[in-house]
Amino acid sequence: MNEEDYVTLTDEQGNEVLYEVLLTFHSDEYGKDYILLSEPGVAENDPEQETEILAFTFEPNDEPESEEGELTPIEDEEEWNMVAEVLNTFVADDSLSTEEDAE
């Protein structure tokens, strides 16, 4: 397990929950960085199972060597639509590469 591929968040009850980083990207249109997360291994265990995906804007710390930063919920509907479009493209590309790899 590569630590860079996982993020630990604290839920409403104060429990630490590990999430897998699915995708990070930058939007020039909004001038922000985004991170998409899911529970680790869910898609690998059952590709047909619906998976909850969390999306946030990501603002890295000012410290050059730090991997920590601030996650902020996305509240704008147009911004959500852009993130959903990027996710759908990612999922479509990933399923194509998986099918090609199987051949």
N, C-alpha and C. Protein backbone atom coordinates (compact mmCIF):
# COMPACT_ATOMS: atom_id res chain seq x y z
N MET A 1 0.84 -1.18 0.00
CA MET A 1 0.00 0.00 0.00
C MET A 1 0.89 1.24 0.00
N ASN A 2 0.70 2.10 -0.98
CA ASN A 2 1.46 3.33 -1.11
C ASN A 2 0.71 4.44 -0.36
N GLU A 3 1.34 5.07 0.61
CA GLU A 3 0.68 6.08 1.44
C GLU A 3 0.13 7.24 0.64
N GLU A 4 0.75 7.57 -0.50
CA GLU A 4 0.30 8.69 -1.32
C GLU A 4 -1.07 8.42 -1.93
N ASP A 5 -1.48 7.16 -1.99
CA ASP A 5 -2.74 6.79 -2.61
C ASP A 5 -3.91 6.78 -1.63
N TYR A 6 -3.66 7.19 -0.38
CA TYR A 6 -4.70 7.13 0.65
C TYR A 6 -4.74 8.42 1.46
N VAL A 7 -5.93 8.73 1.97
CA VAL A 7 -6.16 9.91 2.79
C VAL A 7 -6.99 9.47 4.00
N THR A 8 -6.66 9.97 5.16
CA THR A 8 -7.44 9.67 6.36
C THR A 8 -8.29 10.90 6.69
N LEU A 9 -9.61 10.69 6.79
CA LEU A 9 -10.53 11.75 7.16
C LEU A 9 -11.17 11.40 8.50
N THR A 10 -11.63 12.40 9.21
CA THR A 10 -12.33 12.18 10.47
C THR A 10 -13.82 12.38 10.23
N ASP A 11 -14.63 11.36 10.59
CA ASP A 11 -16.07 11.46 10.36
C ASP A 11 -16.74 12.26 11.47
N GLU A 12 -18.07 12.39 11.39
CA GLU A 12 -18.82 13.22 12.34
C GLU A 12 -18.74 12.71 13.77
N GLN A 13 -18.47 11.40 13.95
CA GLN A 13 -18.35 10.83 15.29
C GLN A 13 -16.91 10.88 15.81
N GLY A 14 -15.99 11.44 15.04
CA GLY A 14 -14.61 11.55 15.47
C GLY A 14 -13.76 10.35 15.12
N ASN A 15 -14.31 9.41 14.34
CA ASN A 15 -13.55 8.22 13.92
C ASN A 15 -12.71 8.53 12.68
N GLU A 16 -11.49 8.03 12.66
CA GLU A 16 -10.65 8.19 11.48
C GLU A 16 -11.02 7.12 10.45
N VAL A 17 -11.25 7.55 9.20
CA VAL A 17 -11.65 6.65 8.13
C VAL A 17 -10.65 6.80 6.98
N LEU A 18 -10.15 5.66 6.49
CA LEU A 18 -9.19 5.65 5.40
C LEU A 18 -9.92 5.65 4.06
N TYR A 19 -9.52 6.52 3.14
CA TYR A 19 -10.09 6.58 1.79
C TYR A 19 -8.98 6.46 0.77
N GLU A 20 -9.31 5.86 -0.35
CA GLU A 20 -8.37 5.73 -1.46
C GLU A 20 -8.52 6.93 -2.38
N VAL A 21 -7.40 7.48 -2.83
CA VAL A 21 -7.43 8.59 -3.78
C VAL A 21 -7.67 8.00 -5.17
N LEU A 22 -8.80 8.36 -5.78
CA LEU A 22 -9.12 7.89 -7.12
C LEU A 22 -8.48 8.76 -8.19
N LEU A 23 -8.54 10.06 -7.95
CA LEU A 23 -8.14 11.00 -8.98
C LEU A 23 -7.87 12.36 -8.36
N THR A 24 -6.84 13.03 -8.83
CA THR A 24 -6.61 14.43 -8.51
C THR A 24 -6.47 15.17 -9.83
N PHE A 25 -6.97 16.39 -9.88
CA PHE A 25 -6.83 17.18 -11.10
C PHE A 25 -6.96 18.66 -10.78
N HIS A 26 -6.53 19.48 -11.73
CA HIS A 26 -6.61 20.94 -11.60
C HIS A 26 -7.58 21.46 -12.65
N SER A 27 -8.40 22.41 -12.26
CA SER A 27 -9.30 23.07 -13.21
C SER A 27 -8.83 24.50 -13.42
N ASP A 28 -8.45 24.82 -14.65
CA ASP A 28 -8.08 26.20 -14.98
C ASP A 28 -9.30 27.11 -14.89
N GLU A 29 -10.47 26.57 -15.25
CA GLU A 29 -11.70 27.35 -15.24
C GLU A 29 -12.01 27.89 -13.84
N TYR A 30 -11.83 27.05 -12.82
CA TYR A 30 -12.12 27.45 -11.44
C TYR A 30 -10.86 27.84 -10.67
N GLY A 31 -9.69 27.55 -11.23
CA GLY A 31 -8.44 27.88 -10.55
C GLY A 31 -8.23 27.10 -9.27
N LYS A 32 -8.72 25.84 -9.26
CA LYS A 32 -8.64 25.03 -8.05
C LYS A 32 -8.13 23.63 -8.38
N ASP A 33 -7.61 22.97 -7.32
CA ASP A 33 -7.24 21.56 -7.41
C ASP A 33 -8.34 20.74 -6.75
N TYR A 34 -8.57 19.54 -7.28
CA TYR A 34 -9.63 18.67 -6.78
C TYR A 34 -9.08 17.30 -6.46
N ILE A 35 -9.74 16.62 -5.51
CA ILE A 35 -9.38 15.26 -5.14
C ILE A 35 -10.68 14.46 -5.02
N LEU A 36 -10.69 13.26 -5.61
CA LEU A 36 -11.83 12.36 -5.54
C LEU A 36 -11.42 11.12 -4.76
N LEU A 37 -12.23 10.73 -3.78
CA LEU A 37 -11.90 9.65 -2.85
C LEU A 37 -13.00 8.60 -2.84
N SER A 38 -12.62 7.34 -2.52
CA SER A 38 -13.59 6.27 -2.28
C SER A 38 -13.05 5.35 -1.21
N GLU A 39 -13.92 4.48 -0.68
CA GLU A 39 -13.46 3.49 0.29
C GLU A 39 -12.48 2.56 -0.41
N PRO A 40 -11.37 2.21 0.25
CA PRO A 40 -10.35 1.39 -0.42
C PRO A 40 -10.85 0.00 -0.78
N GLY A 41 -10.51 -0.44 -2.00
CA GLY A 41 -10.75 -1.80 -2.44
C GLY A 41 -12.16 -2.14 -2.83
N VAL A 42 -13.12 -1.24 -2.68
CA VAL A 42 -14.51 -1.57 -2.98
C VAL A 42 -14.68 -1.93 -4.45
N ALA A 43 -14.17 -1.11 -5.35
CA ALA A 43 -14.33 -1.36 -6.78
C ALA A 43 -13.56 -2.60 -7.21
N GLU A 44 -12.42 -2.87 -6.57
CA GLU A 44 -11.62 -4.04 -6.93
C GLU A 44 -12.33 -5.33 -6.54
N ASN A 45 -13.00 -5.33 -5.39
CA ASN A 45 -13.67 -6.54 -4.90
C ASN A 45 -14.93 -6.85 -5.69
N ASP A 46 -15.67 -5.84 -6.12
CA ASP A 46 -16.90 -6.04 -6.87
C ASP A 46 -17.10 -4.84 -7.80
N PRO A 47 -16.61 -4.95 -9.05
CA PRO A 47 -16.70 -3.82 -9.98
C PRO A 47 -18.13 -3.36 -10.27
N GLU A 48 -19.11 -4.24 -10.07
CA GLU A 48 -20.51 -3.89 -10.33
C GLU A 48 -21.16 -3.15 -9.16
N GLN A 49 -20.52 -3.19 -7.98
CA GLN A 49 -21.07 -2.56 -6.79
C GLN A 49 -20.97 -1.04 -6.91
N GLU A 50 -22.07 -0.37 -6.56
CA GLU A 50 -22.06 1.09 -6.58
C GLU A 50 -21.18 1.59 -5.44
N THR A 51 -20.31 2.54 -5.74
CA THR A 51 -19.35 3.04 -4.78
C THR A 51 -19.60 4.52 -4.52
N GLU A 52 -19.60 4.90 -3.24
CA GLU A 52 -19.73 6.31 -2.90
C GLU A 52 -18.39 7.00 -3.17
N ILE A 53 -18.45 8.10 -3.88
CA ILE A 53 -17.24 8.87 -4.19
C ILE A 53 -17.38 10.24 -3.56
N LEU A 54 -16.35 10.63 -2.82
CA LEU A 54 -16.32 11.94 -2.18
C LEU A 54 -15.44 12.86 -3.03
N ALA A 55 -15.87 14.09 -3.20
CA ALA A 55 -15.10 15.06 -3.97
C ALA A 55 -14.90 16.32 -3.15
N PHE A 56 -13.69 16.85 -3.20
CA PHE A 56 -13.33 18.06 -2.47
C PHE A 56 -12.42 18.93 -3.31
N THR A 57 -12.39 20.22 -2.98
CA THR A 57 -11.29 21.04 -3.48
C THR A 57 -10.13 20.81 -2.52
N PHE A 58 -8.92 20.93 -3.02
CA PHE A 58 -7.74 20.67 -2.20
C PHE A 58 -6.80 21.85 -2.28
N GLU A 59 -6.47 22.40 -1.12
CA GLU A 59 -5.51 23.49 -1.02
C GLU A 59 -4.30 23.00 -0.24
N PRO A 60 -3.17 22.76 -0.92
CA PRO A 60 -1.99 22.23 -0.23
C PRO A 60 -1.45 23.23 0.79
N ASN A 61 -0.77 22.69 1.80
CA ASN A 61 -0.07 23.50 2.79
C ASN A 61 0.99 24.35 2.10
N ASP A 62 1.39 25.43 2.74
CA ASP A 62 2.44 26.29 2.19
C ASP A 62 3.83 25.67 2.33
N GLU A 63 3.97 24.68 3.23
CA GLU A 63 5.26 24.06 3.45
C GLU A 63 5.62 23.18 2.25
N PRO A 64 6.80 23.38 1.64
CA PRO A 64 7.16 22.69 0.41
C PRO A 64 7.14 21.16 0.49
N GLU A 65 7.57 20.58 1.59
CA GLU A 65 7.66 19.12 1.71
C GLU A 65 6.40 18.48 2.30
N SER A 66 5.43 19.29 2.69
CA SER A 66 4.23 18.77 3.34
C SER A 66 3.27 18.18 2.31
N GLU A 67 2.68 17.03 2.64
CA GLU A 67 1.66 16.42 1.79
C GLU A 67 0.26 16.71 2.33
N GLU A 68 0.19 17.50 3.39
CA GLU A 68 -1.09 17.82 4.00
C GLU A 68 -1.66 19.08 3.38
N GLY A 69 -2.97 19.24 3.54
CA GLY A 69 -3.62 20.42 3.02
C GLY A 69 -5.05 20.49 3.52
N GLU A 70 -5.78 21.44 3.00
CA GLU A 70 -7.16 21.67 3.43
C GLU A 70 -8.12 21.15 2.37
N LEU A 71 -9.06 20.28 2.79
CA LEU A 71 -10.11 19.79 1.91
C LEU A 71 -11.36 20.61 2.18
N THR A 72 -11.99 21.09 1.11
CA THR A 72 -13.18 21.91 1.23
C THR A 72 -14.30 21.30 0.39
N PRO A 73 -15.50 21.17 0.97
CA PRO A 73 -16.62 20.62 0.18
C PRO A 73 -16.94 21.52 -1.02
N ILE A 74 -17.40 20.90 -2.09
CA ILE A 74 -17.81 21.63 -3.30
C ILE A 74 -19.28 22.00 -3.12
N GLU A 75 -19.59 23.28 -3.19
CA GLU A 75 -20.94 23.74 -2.93
C GLU A 75 -21.64 24.33 -4.15
N ASP A 76 -20.90 24.67 -5.18
CA ASP A 76 -21.46 25.30 -6.37
C ASP A 76 -21.94 24.22 -7.35
N GLU A 77 -23.17 24.32 -7.84
CA GLU A 77 -23.73 23.29 -8.72
C GLU A 77 -22.96 23.18 -10.05
N GLU A 78 -22.56 24.30 -10.63
CA GLU A 78 -21.79 24.25 -11.88
C GLU A 78 -20.44 23.57 -11.66
N GLU A 79 -19.83 23.85 -10.52
CA GLU A 79 -18.55 23.24 -10.18
C GLU A 79 -18.73 21.72 -10.01
N TRP A 80 -19.84 21.31 -9.34
CA TRP A 80 -20.16 19.88 -9.18
C TRP A 80 -20.31 19.22 -10.54
N ASN A 81 -21.00 19.89 -11.46
CA ASN A 81 -21.21 19.33 -12.80
C ASN A 81 -19.88 19.12 -13.52
N MET A 82 -18.95 20.07 -13.38
CA MET A 82 -17.63 19.93 -13.98
C MET A 82 -16.89 18.74 -13.39
N VAL A 83 -16.93 18.58 -12.06
CA VAL A 83 -16.26 17.47 -11.39
C VAL A 83 -16.88 16.14 -11.83
N ALA A 84 -18.21 16.08 -11.93
CA ALA A 84 -18.90 14.86 -12.38
C ALA A 84 -18.49 14.50 -13.81
N GLU A 85 -18.34 15.50 -14.66
CA GLU A 85 -17.92 15.25 -16.04
C GLU A 85 -16.50 14.67 -16.09
N VAL A 86 -15.60 15.23 -15.29
CA VAL A 86 -14.23 14.71 -15.22
C VAL A 86 -14.25 13.28 -14.70
N LEU A 87 -15.04 13.01 -13.65
CA LEU A 87 -15.13 11.66 -13.09
C LEU A 87 -15.68 10.68 -14.13
N ASN A 88 -16.73 11.06 -14.84
CA ASN A 88 -17.31 10.18 -15.86
C ASN A 88 -16.30 9.87 -16.95
N THR A 89 -15.51 10.85 -17.35
CA THR A 89 -14.46 10.63 -18.35
C THR A 89 -13.41 9.68 -17.81
N PHE A 90 -13.02 9.88 -16.56
CA PHE A 90 -12.03 9.01 -15.90
C PHE A 90 -12.54 7.57 -15.85
N VAL A 91 -13.79 7.37 -15.44
CA VAL A 91 -14.36 6.03 -15.32
C VAL A 91 -14.45 5.38 -16.70
N ALA A 92 -14.87 6.13 -17.71
CA ALA A 92 -14.97 5.59 -19.07
C ALA A 92 -13.59 5.20 -19.60
N ASP A 93 -12.59 6.05 -19.39
CA ASP A 93 -11.23 5.75 -19.84
C ASP A 93 -10.67 4.55 -19.10
N ASP A 94 -10.94 4.46 -17.79
CA ASP A 94 -10.44 3.35 -16.97
C ASP A 94 -11.06 2.03 -17.42
N SER A 95 -12.36 2.03 -17.72
CA SER A 95 -13.00 0.78 -18.15
C SER A 95 -12.49 0.37 -19.52
N LEU A 96 -12.16 1.34 -20.38
CA LEU A 96 -11.60 1.00 -21.69
C LEU A 96 -10.22 0.38 -21.53
N SER A 97 -9.39 0.96 -20.67
CA SER A 97 -8.04 0.42 -20.49
C SER A 97 -8.09 -0.95 -19.83
N THR A 98 -9.06 -1.18 -18.94
CA THR A 98 -9.20 -2.47 -18.29
C THR A 98 -9.59 -3.53 -19.31
N GLU A 99 -10.51 -3.19 -20.22
CA GLU A 99 -10.92 -4.12 -21.26
C GLU A 99 -9.76 -4.41 -22.20
N GLU A 100 -8.97 -3.40 -22.53
CA GLU A 100 -7.82 -3.58 -23.43
C GLU A 100 -6.76 -4.44 -22.74
N ASP A 101 -6.55 -4.22 -21.44
CA ASP A 101 -5.56 -5.00 -20.70
C ASP A 101 -5.94 -6.47 -20.63
N ALA A 102 -7.23 -6.77 -20.62
CA ALA A 102 -7.71 -8.15 -20.50
C ALA A 102 -7.48 -8.93 -21.80
N GLU A 103 -7.37 -8.22 -22.93
CA GLU A 103 -7.20 -8.90 -24.22
C GLU A 103 -5.82 -9.44 -24.40
